[in-house]
Amino acid sequence: MNEMLVLGLNGNFSAADTDLVDGMMEYFFHDAAACLVRDGELIAAVEEERLNRIKKTTKFPINAIRACLDRAGVTPADIDAVGYYFPEETIDLSLNLLYSGNSSVPTRYSRQLIKEWLKRELDWDLPDDKLFYSPHHLAHAQSTFTRSGMSEALVVVMDAAGEENSGTVYRGGDRRLESLASYSIPKSLGRLYLTATQQLGYGFGDEYKVMGLAPYGDPATYRKIFKSIYTLQEKGNYEIAPSNLGLNVVGPTLFEHGISPRRKGEEFTQQHMDIAAGIQEAVETIVLHVLAYWAELTGLRKLAFGGGVAHNSSLNGVILRSGLFDEVFVHPASHDSGAGEGAALLAGQQLGAAHTPSRLRSADLGPTLGTPRHIETILEGWSSWIKVEQL
């Protein structure tokens, strides 16, 4: 079989200086990125934010696509397929909801929008039969398991939400993934942590700051309150307490106990640190409950952990120290940028490719910074604000 080259994509379809539809939410298909997979090997990958300088950007990753093509020394004509990290019907339904409240915007859906971008920017006429969509959690799981290099593993994906689920458990082995269980969106640990992040005066994408704040607090202070938010159940299941405000349960629960949200710019108090410690402990408790059940049931001693929740390094330390697993792998792009790679791998599979798990040895897969002189020239433009010293 000839060499197979697949482009993986994630993000939405807006340009860097505008939104596809006015009022689009900041998290509408965030972490835009592109990657190239050749015969199952990740040969190029870059997040669009590194190039358009918009943190956690949702914009169509056209600059990332160009960077990947340049790094690999290929052209669009060399690409056998394109993989996208959500099902087509999910993307188009989301777009339709945006269009329904904005009657002045043309109703163009994902397939047309992707093809328009590639044609306009790269003169690439992508055939319909070369564009593949994938389930979101399966894309996360595929990239995580493949890059773990493990021949067999418990593969767990946890994030804010896929198309239907916020968590999925797989058995990885024999170069395939078997779905064992899923956790619905109302049980989302990603969104639970986000609502606590917002309670502390931060926004979407700032969860890592709460994780960093947690060690300064005492989880015992609000342990009883946080325990009222969730219930651990048998067989690795759990429930998050329902709220009249949808998935935001942290804010209303704390407010019932006389605790108001922190305002942006306010000084951090011990109360805020204790809240951070409380949500961190709660999420760790739930995740360990899930993992302990599935580790015992399957007998698997290796874990491949993906999805945005897997970026909580404090949680990962707790998992490592728990003794549940002999080995734990976390994909360095466990957030949605890494799902583009999974979509590329799944697209290749649909064309008959068989991918053997191969451990990711380096995340240095993007464009170079250039020559020392090129870097100096760029830094000189900032000489009024920064002092540069070469070591």
Protein backbone atom coordinates (compact mmCIF):
# COMPACT_ATOMS: atom_id res chain seq x y z
CA MET A 1 0.00 0.00 0.00
CA ASN A 2 1.26 3.49 -0.87
CA GLU A 3 2.11 6.04 1.80
CA MET A 4 -0.97 7.68 3.34
CA LEU A 5 -0.93 11.33 4.41
CA VAL A 6 -3.87 12.75 6.37
CA LEU A 7 -4.54 16.29 7.58
CA GLY A 8 -6.32 16.66 10.93
CA LEU A 9 -8.29 19.82 11.77
CA ASN A 10 -10.19 21.39 14.62
CA GLY A 11 -11.64 24.83 15.27
CA ASN A 12 -14.52 26.70 13.68
CA PHE A 13 -14.77 28.58 10.41
CA SER A 14 -14.27 32.25 11.32
CA ALA A 15 -11.48 34.47 10.03
CA ALA A 16 -8.94 35.92 12.48
CA ASP A 17 -10.46 39.41 12.38
CA THR A 18 -14.16 38.51 12.44
CA ASP A 19 -16.69 35.91 13.56
CA LEU A 20 -18.72 33.76 11.23
CA VAL A 21 -21.79 34.97 13.12
CA ASP A 22 -21.88 38.01 15.44
CA GLY A 23 -21.96 37.11 19.10
CA MET A 24 -20.32 33.70 18.81
CA MET A 25 -19.23 32.39 22.20
CA GLU A 26 -15.52 32.36 22.98
CA TYR A 27 -15.54 28.61 23.43
CA PHE A 28 -17.32 27.74 20.16
CA PHE A 29 -14.90 25.04 18.92
CA HIS A 30 -11.87 26.35 20.75
CA ASP A 31 -8.19 25.34 20.51
CA ALA A 32 -8.03 25.46 16.72
CA ALA A 33 -5.12 23.47 15.28
CA ALA A 34 -3.88 21.40 12.38
CA CYS A 35 -1.66 18.34 12.13
CA LEU A 36 -0.32 15.89 9.57
CA VAL A 37 -0.23 12.13 10.08
CA ARG A 38 1.81 9.98 7.71
CA ASP A 39 1.10 6.25 7.94
CA GLY A 40 0.02 6.70 11.55
CA GLU A 41 3.04 8.80 12.56
CA LEU A 42 2.49 12.38 13.69
CA ILE A 43 4.91 14.42 11.57
CA ALA A 44 3.63 17.99 12.05
CA ALA A 45 1.29 19.75 14.47
CA VAL A 46 0.71 23.35 15.48
CA GLU A 47 -1.99 25.31 17.28
CA GLU A 48 -3.44 28.27 15.42
CA GLU A 49 -3.05 30.48 18.53
CA ARG A 50 0.74 30.34 18.10
CA LEU A 51 0.37 32.02 14.73
CA ASN A 52 -2.64 34.34 15.01
CA ARG A 53 -1.74 35.25 18.63
CA ILE A 54 -5.32 34.79 19.92
CA LYS A 55 -5.18 32.58 23.02
CA LYS A 56 -7.30 29.42 22.75
CA THR A 57 -8.43 30.69 19.37
CA THR A 58 -11.52 29.29 17.70
CA LYS A 59 -10.63 30.64 14.25
CA PHE A 60 -10.20 28.40 11.22
CA PRO A 61 -6.61 27.07 11.43
CA ILE A 62 -5.43 28.21 8.01
CA ASN A 63 -2.05 29.40 9.30
CA ALA A 64 -1.54 26.11 11.13
CA ILE A 65 -2.37 24.20 7.94
CA ARG A 66 0.25 26.15 6.00
CA ALA A 67 2.82 25.60 8.75
CA CYS A 68 2.20 21.84 8.74
CA LEU A 69 2.49 21.63 4.96
CA ASP A 70 5.74 23.61 5.08
CA ARG A 71 7.25 21.50 7.84
CA ALA A 72 6.43 18.27 6.03
CA GLY A 73 7.50 19.63 2.64
CA VAL A 74 4.22 18.65 0.99
CA THR A 75 1.40 20.31 -0.92
CA PRO A 76 -2.38 19.85 -0.78
CA ALA A 77 -2.09 17.52 -3.77
CA ASP A 78 -0.20 15.08 -1.54
CA ILE A 79 -3.01 14.84 1.03
CA ASP A 80 -5.10 11.66 0.90
CA ALA A 81 -7.77 12.75 3.38
CA VAL A 82 -8.84 15.42 5.86
CA GLY A 83 -10.22 14.52 9.30
CA TYR A 84 -12.37 16.82 11.43
CA TYR A 85 -12.85 16.33 15.16
CA PHE A 86 -16.66 16.33 15.55
CA PRO A 87 -19.51 14.62 13.67
CA GLU A 88 -20.80 16.58 10.71
CA GLU A 89 -24.36 16.65 12.04
CA THR A 90 -23.20 18.04 15.41
CA ILE A 91 -21.25 20.86 13.79
CA ASP A 92 -24.06 21.73 11.40
CA LEU A 93 -26.67 21.71 14.15
CA SER A 94 -24.53 24.14 16.15
CA LEU A 95 -24.16 26.38 13.11
CA ASN A 96 -27.89 26.20 12.47
CA LEU A 97 -28.62 27.42 16.00
CA LEU A 98 -26.37 30.42 15.35
CA TYR A 99 -28.01 31.14 12.00
CA SER A 100 -31.53 30.95 13.45
CA GLY A 101 -30.90 34.10 15.48
CA ASN A 102 -28.97 35.94 12.74
CA SER A 103 -31.11 36.11 9.61
CA SER A 104 -28.66 38.36 7.75
CA VAL A 105 -25.95 35.65 7.71
CA PRO A 106 -25.84 33.17 4.78
CA THR A 107 -26.57 29.59 5.87
CA ARG A 108 -23.39 27.74 4.98
CA TYR A 109 -22.57 24.51 6.76
CA SER A 110 -19.32 22.86 7.76
CA ARG A 111 -18.50 20.88 4.63
CA GLN A 112 -19.01 23.90 2.40
CA LEU A 113 -17.11 26.20 4.78
CA ILE A 114 -14.08 23.91 5.05
CA LYS A 115 -13.91 23.51 1.28
CA GLU A 116 -14.30 27.28 0.75
CA TRP A 117 -11.40 28.01 3.12
CA LEU A 118 -9.10 25.51 1.44
CA LYS A 119 -10.00 26.70 -2.06
CA ARG A 120 -9.65 30.40 -1.28
CA GLU A 121 -6.40 30.20 0.69
CA LEU A 122 -4.62 27.20 -0.83
CA ASP A 123 -6.32 26.76 -4.22
CA TRP A 124 -7.23 23.29 -3.01
CA ASP A 125 -10.35 21.63 -4.42
CA LEU A 126 -11.03 19.07 -1.70
CA PRO A 127 -13.34 16.29 -2.94
CA ASP A 128 -16.25 15.36 -0.68
CA ASP A 129 -15.03 11.78 -0.40
CA LYS A 130 -11.74 12.98 1.14
CA LEU A 131 -13.37 14.83 4.05
CA PHE A 132 -14.13 12.69 7.11
CA TYR A 133 -15.76 13.59 10.41
CA SER A 134 -15.33 11.72 13.69
CA PRO A 135 -17.02 11.41 17.10
CA HIS A 136 -15.33 13.86 19.45
CA HIS A 137 -14.42 11.54 22.31
CA LEU A 138 -13.32 8.81 19.94
CA ALA A 139 -10.95 11.33 18.34
CA HIS A 140 -9.51 12.17 21.77
CA ALA A 141 -9.21 8.49 22.62
CA GLN A 142 -7.59 7.57 19.32
CA SER A 143 -4.84 10.18 19.58
CA THR A 144 -4.23 9.38 23.25
CA PHE A 145 -4.05 5.60 22.85
CA THR A 146 -2.01 5.73 19.65
CA ARG A 147 0.59 8.12 21.10
CA SER A 148 0.79 6.22 24.39
CA GLY A 149 2.67 3.46 22.60
CA MET A 150 0.81 0.98 24.80
CA SER A 151 -0.33 -2.28 23.24
CA GLU A 152 -3.15 -2.50 25.78
CA ALA A 153 -4.57 0.13 28.14
CA LEU A 154 -7.59 1.57 29.87
CA VAL A 155 -8.34 4.68 27.80
CA VAL A 156 -10.34 7.40 29.53
CA VAL A 157 -11.51 10.70 28.04
CA MET A 158 -12.94 13.44 30.26
CA ASP A 159 -13.71 17.00 29.20
CA ALA A 160 -16.46 19.61 29.24
CA ALA A 161 -18.53 17.91 26.55
CA GLY A 162 -18.50 16.03 23.30
CA GLU A 163 -21.61 15.73 21.18
CA GLU A 164 -23.47 13.71 23.86
CA ASN A 165 -21.02 12.80 26.63
CA SER A 166 -18.56 14.43 29.01
CA GLY A 167 -16.65 11.24 29.75
CA THR A 168 -15.99 7.96 27.95
CA VAL A 169 -14.14 4.81 28.96
CA TYR A 170 -12.53 2.49 26.40
CA ARG A 171 -10.49 -0.66 26.36
CA GLY A 172 -7.56 -0.13 24.03
CA GLY A 173 -5.94 -3.19 22.52
CA ASP A 174 -5.20 -5.01 19.28
CA ARG A 175 -5.00 -1.60 17.54
CA ARG A 176 -8.66 -0.86 18.30
CA LEU A 177 -10.83 0.87 20.89
CA GLU A 178 -13.80 -0.80 22.54
CA SER A 179 -16.25 1.56 24.25
CA LEU A 180 -17.07 0.39 27.79
CA ALA A 181 -19.02 3.26 29.33
CA SER A 182 -19.96 6.89 28.92
CA TYR A 183 -20.92 9.74 31.25
CA SER A 184 -23.55 12.24 30.15
CA ILE A 185 -23.05 15.99 29.83
CA PRO A 186 -24.89 16.75 33.13
CA LYS A 187 -22.07 14.77 34.80
CA SER A 188 -19.40 16.93 33.18
CA LEU A 189 -16.33 17.33 35.37
CA GLY A 190 -14.88 19.83 32.90
CA ARG A 191 -17.89 22.09 33.28
CA LEU A 192 -18.02 21.53 37.04
CA TYR A 193 -14.45 22.78 37.31
CA LEU A 194 -15.20 25.67 34.93
CA THR A 195 -18.10 26.90 37.06
CA ALA A 196 -15.78 26.93 40.08
CA THR A 197 -13.24 28.81 37.97
CA GLN A 198 -15.87 31.42 37.14
CA GLN A 199 -16.89 31.61 40.81
CA LEU A 200 -13.30 32.64 41.54
CA GLY A 201 -13.38 35.52 39.06
CA TYR A 202 -11.67 33.76 36.17
CA GLY A 203 -12.98 32.85 32.75
CA PHE A 204 -13.03 30.05 30.24
CA GLY A 205 -9.53 28.64 29.76
CA ASP A 206 -8.33 29.76 33.20
CA GLU A 207 -8.89 26.44 34.96
CA TYR A 208 -5.15 25.94 35.33
CA LYS A 209 -5.01 29.01 37.56
CA VAL A 210 -7.50 27.44 39.95
CA MET A 211 -5.45 24.25 40.00
CA GLY A 212 -2.43 26.39 40.88
CA LEU A 213 -4.36 28.23 43.59
CA ALA A 214 -5.66 25.04 45.23
CA PRO A 215 -2.47 24.07 47.14
CA TYR A 216 -2.70 27.33 49.10
CA GLY A 217 -6.13 26.38 50.42
CA ASP A 218 -7.58 23.83 52.82
CA PRO A 219 -10.07 21.46 51.15
CA ALA A 220 -11.61 20.63 54.53
CA THR A 221 -13.07 24.15 54.87
CA TYR A 222 -15.77 23.60 52.25
CA ARG A 223 -15.59 19.82 51.95
CA LYS A 224 -19.14 19.34 53.22
CA ILE A 225 -20.48 21.84 50.68
CA PHE A 226 -18.64 20.27 47.76
CA LYS A 227 -19.68 16.78 48.85
CA SER A 228 -23.30 17.93 48.60
CA ILE A 229 -22.72 18.61 44.91
CA TYR A 230 -21.91 15.03 43.90
CA THR A 231 -22.85 11.47 44.80
CA LEU A 232 -20.61 8.47 44.17
CA GLN A 233 -22.55 5.44 42.96
CA GLU A 234 -21.80 1.80 42.34
CA LYS A 235 -20.03 0.50 39.23
CA GLY A 236 -17.93 3.62 38.83
CA ASN A 237 -20.89 5.89 38.32
CA TYR A 238 -21.68 9.24 39.94
CA GLU A 239 -24.21 12.05 39.83
CA ILE A 240 -23.81 15.81 39.91
CA ALA A 241 -26.59 17.57 41.82
CA PRO A 242 -29.11 19.20 39.46
CA SER A 243 -29.37 22.98 39.46
CA ASN A 244 -32.08 25.35 38.33
CA LEU A 245 -29.29 27.17 36.49
CA GLY A 246 -28.44 24.25 34.23
CA LEU A 247 -24.89 22.96 34.57
CA ASN A 248 -23.77 25.74 36.91
CA VAL A 249 -24.11 24.08 40.30
CA VAL A 250 -21.06 25.48 42.13
CA GLY A 251 -22.08 29.15 42.20
CA PRO A 252 -25.67 28.61 43.42
CA THR A 253 -24.56 26.07 46.03
CA LEU A 254 -21.93 28.39 47.48
CA PHE A 255 -24.38 31.32 47.38
CA GLU A 256 -26.84 29.31 49.49
CA HIS A 257 -24.09 29.21 52.11
CA GLY A 258 -23.52 32.96 51.98
CA ILE A 259 -20.49 32.86 49.68
CA SER A 260 -20.53 35.40 46.84
CA PRO A 261 -18.41 35.10 43.70
CA ARG A 262 -15.07 36.86 43.56
CA ARG A 263 -14.94 39.83 41.22
CA LYS A 264 -12.16 40.17 38.67
CA GLY A 265 -9.31 42.21 40.11
CA GLU A 266 -10.26 41.63 43.73
CA GLU A 267 -7.54 40.48 46.08
CA PHE A 268 -7.48 36.74 46.70
CA THR A 269 -8.46 35.76 50.21
CA GLN A 270 -8.10 32.51 52.11
CA GLN A 271 -11.73 31.82 51.28
CA HIS A 272 -10.93 31.81 47.56
CA MET A 273 -7.98 29.51 48.10
CA ASP A 274 -10.13 27.13 50.13
CA ILE A 275 -12.76 27.06 47.38
CA ALA A 276 -10.06 26.18 44.84
CA ALA A 277 -8.83 23.41 47.13
CA GLY A 278 -12.38 22.16 47.56
CA ILE A 279 -13.18 21.83 43.85
CA GLN A 280 -9.80 20.25 43.19
CA GLU A 281 -10.39 17.60 45.86
CA ALA A 282 -13.93 16.96 44.62
CA VAL A 283 -12.83 16.33 41.04
CA GLU A 284 -9.94 14.13 42.19
CA THR A 285 -12.33 12.07 44.32
CA ILE A 286 -14.76 11.52 41.45
CA VAL A 287 -12.07 10.67 38.91
CA LEU A 288 -10.40 8.16 41.23
CA HIS A 289 -13.80 6.56 41.87
CA VAL A 290 -14.32 6.08 38.13
CA LEU A 291 -10.79 4.83 37.47
CA ALA A 292 -10.74 2.43 40.41
CA TYR A 293 -13.86 0.64 39.20
CA TRP A 294 -12.74 0.25 35.61
CA ALA A 295 -9.18 -0.69 36.52
CA GLU A 296 -10.47 -3.50 38.74
CA LEU A 297 -13.12 -4.69 36.27
CA THR A 298 -10.78 -4.82 33.27
CA GLY A 299 -7.60 -5.78 35.09
CA LEU A 300 -5.74 -3.22 32.99
CA ARG A 301 -2.69 -1.73 34.71
CA LYS A 302 -1.92 0.98 32.16
CA LEU A 303 -3.91 4.19 31.69
CA ALA A 304 -4.06 6.49 28.66
CA PHE A 305 -5.82 9.66 29.83
CA GLY A 306 -7.15 12.30 27.44
CA GLY A 307 -9.55 15.23 27.15
CA GLY A 308 -9.26 18.63 28.80
CA VAL A 309 -9.61 17.26 32.34
CA ALA A 310 -6.41 15.27 31.75
CA HIS A 311 -4.47 18.55 31.71
CA ASN A 312 -5.01 18.86 35.46
CA SER A 313 -1.50 17.85 36.46
CA SER A 314 -2.33 17.82 40.18
CA LEU A 315 -5.03 15.27 39.43
CA ASN A 316 -2.55 13.25 37.39
CA GLY A 317 -0.18 13.18 40.34
CA VAL A 318 -2.97 11.79 42.52
CA ILE A 319 -3.65 9.10 39.91
CA LEU A 320 0.02 8.14 39.77
CA ARG A 321 0.29 7.91 43.55
CA SER A 322 -2.95 5.94 43.88
CA GLY A 323 -1.30 2.68 42.84
CA LEU A 324 -4.16 1.90 40.45
CA PHE A 325 -1.82 1.82 37.46
CA ASP A 326 1.75 0.86 36.73
CA GLU A 327 1.97 3.39 33.91
CA VAL A 328 0.01 6.53 33.02
CA PHE A 329 0.21 8.40 29.71
CA VAL A 330 -1.29 11.84 29.16
CA HIS A 331 -1.25 13.27 25.65
CA PRO A 332 0.56 16.66 25.65
CA ALA A 333 -2.35 18.00 23.58
CA SER A 334 -5.14 16.46 25.65
CA HIS A 335 -7.27 19.53 24.99
CA ASP A 336 -9.16 19.83 21.72
CA SER A 337 -6.05 20.55 19.66
CA GLY A 338 -5.08 16.91 20.11
CA ALA A 339 -8.47 15.71 18.91
CA GLY A 340 -7.52 16.85 15.41
CA GLU A 341 -4.82 14.19 15.39
CA GLY A 342 -7.35 11.58 16.45
CA ALA A 343 -9.63 12.68 13.61
CA ALA A 344 -6.74 12.25 11.17
CA LEU A 345 -5.99 8.75 12.47
CA LEU A 346 -9.67 7.78 12.23
CA ALA A 347 -9.91 9.16 8.68
CA GLY A 348 -6.91 7.04 7.73
CA GLN A 349 -8.59 3.98 9.20
CA GLN A 350 -11.65 4.57 7.04
CA LEU A 351 -9.35 4.44 4.03
CA GLY A 352 -7.86 1.14 5.16
CA ALA A 353 -4.82 2.26 7.15
CA ALA A 354 -3.82 0.24 10.22
CA HIS A 355 -2.02 2.23 12.89
CA THR A 356 0.29 0.61 15.42
CA PRO A 357 0.55 2.56 18.70
CA SER A 358 3.83 4.48 18.78
CA ARG A 359 4.94 6.57 21.77
CA LEU A 360 5.14 10.29 21.13
CA ARG A 361 8.76 11.22 21.85
CA SER A 362 8.61 14.96 21.26
CA ALA A 363 6.02 17.70 20.93
CA ASP A 364 8.42 19.75 18.78
CA LEU A 365 6.31 19.38 15.66
CA GLY A 366 5.61 22.96 14.63
CA PRO A 367 7.45 25.69 12.72
CA THR A 368 10.92 26.78 13.79
CA LEU A 369 11.55 30.19 15.29
CA GLY A 370 14.02 31.01 12.53
CA THR A 371 17.71 31.90 12.56
CA PRO A 372 19.26 33.79 15.51
CA ARG A 373 19.46 36.90 13.34
CA HIS A 374 15.77 36.60 12.43
CA ILE A 375 14.85 36.33 16.12
CA GLU A 376 17.05 39.34 16.98
CA THR A 377 15.34 41.42 14.30
CA ILE A 378 11.91 40.67 15.74
CA LEU A 379 13.03 41.40 19.30
CA GLU A 380 14.58 44.71 18.24
CA GLY A 381 11.09 45.92 17.45
CA TRP A 382 10.25 45.52 21.14
CA SER A 383 13.41 47.19 22.47
CA SER A 384 11.43 50.03 24.07
CA TRP A 385 9.57 47.57 26.29
CA ILE A 386 11.90 44.65 26.94
CA LYS A 387 15.57 44.07 27.61
CA VAL A 388 17.12 41.15 25.75
CA GLU A 389 20.22 39.30 26.85
CA GLN A 390 21.68 36.36 24.95
CA LEU A 391 22.91 33.60 27.26
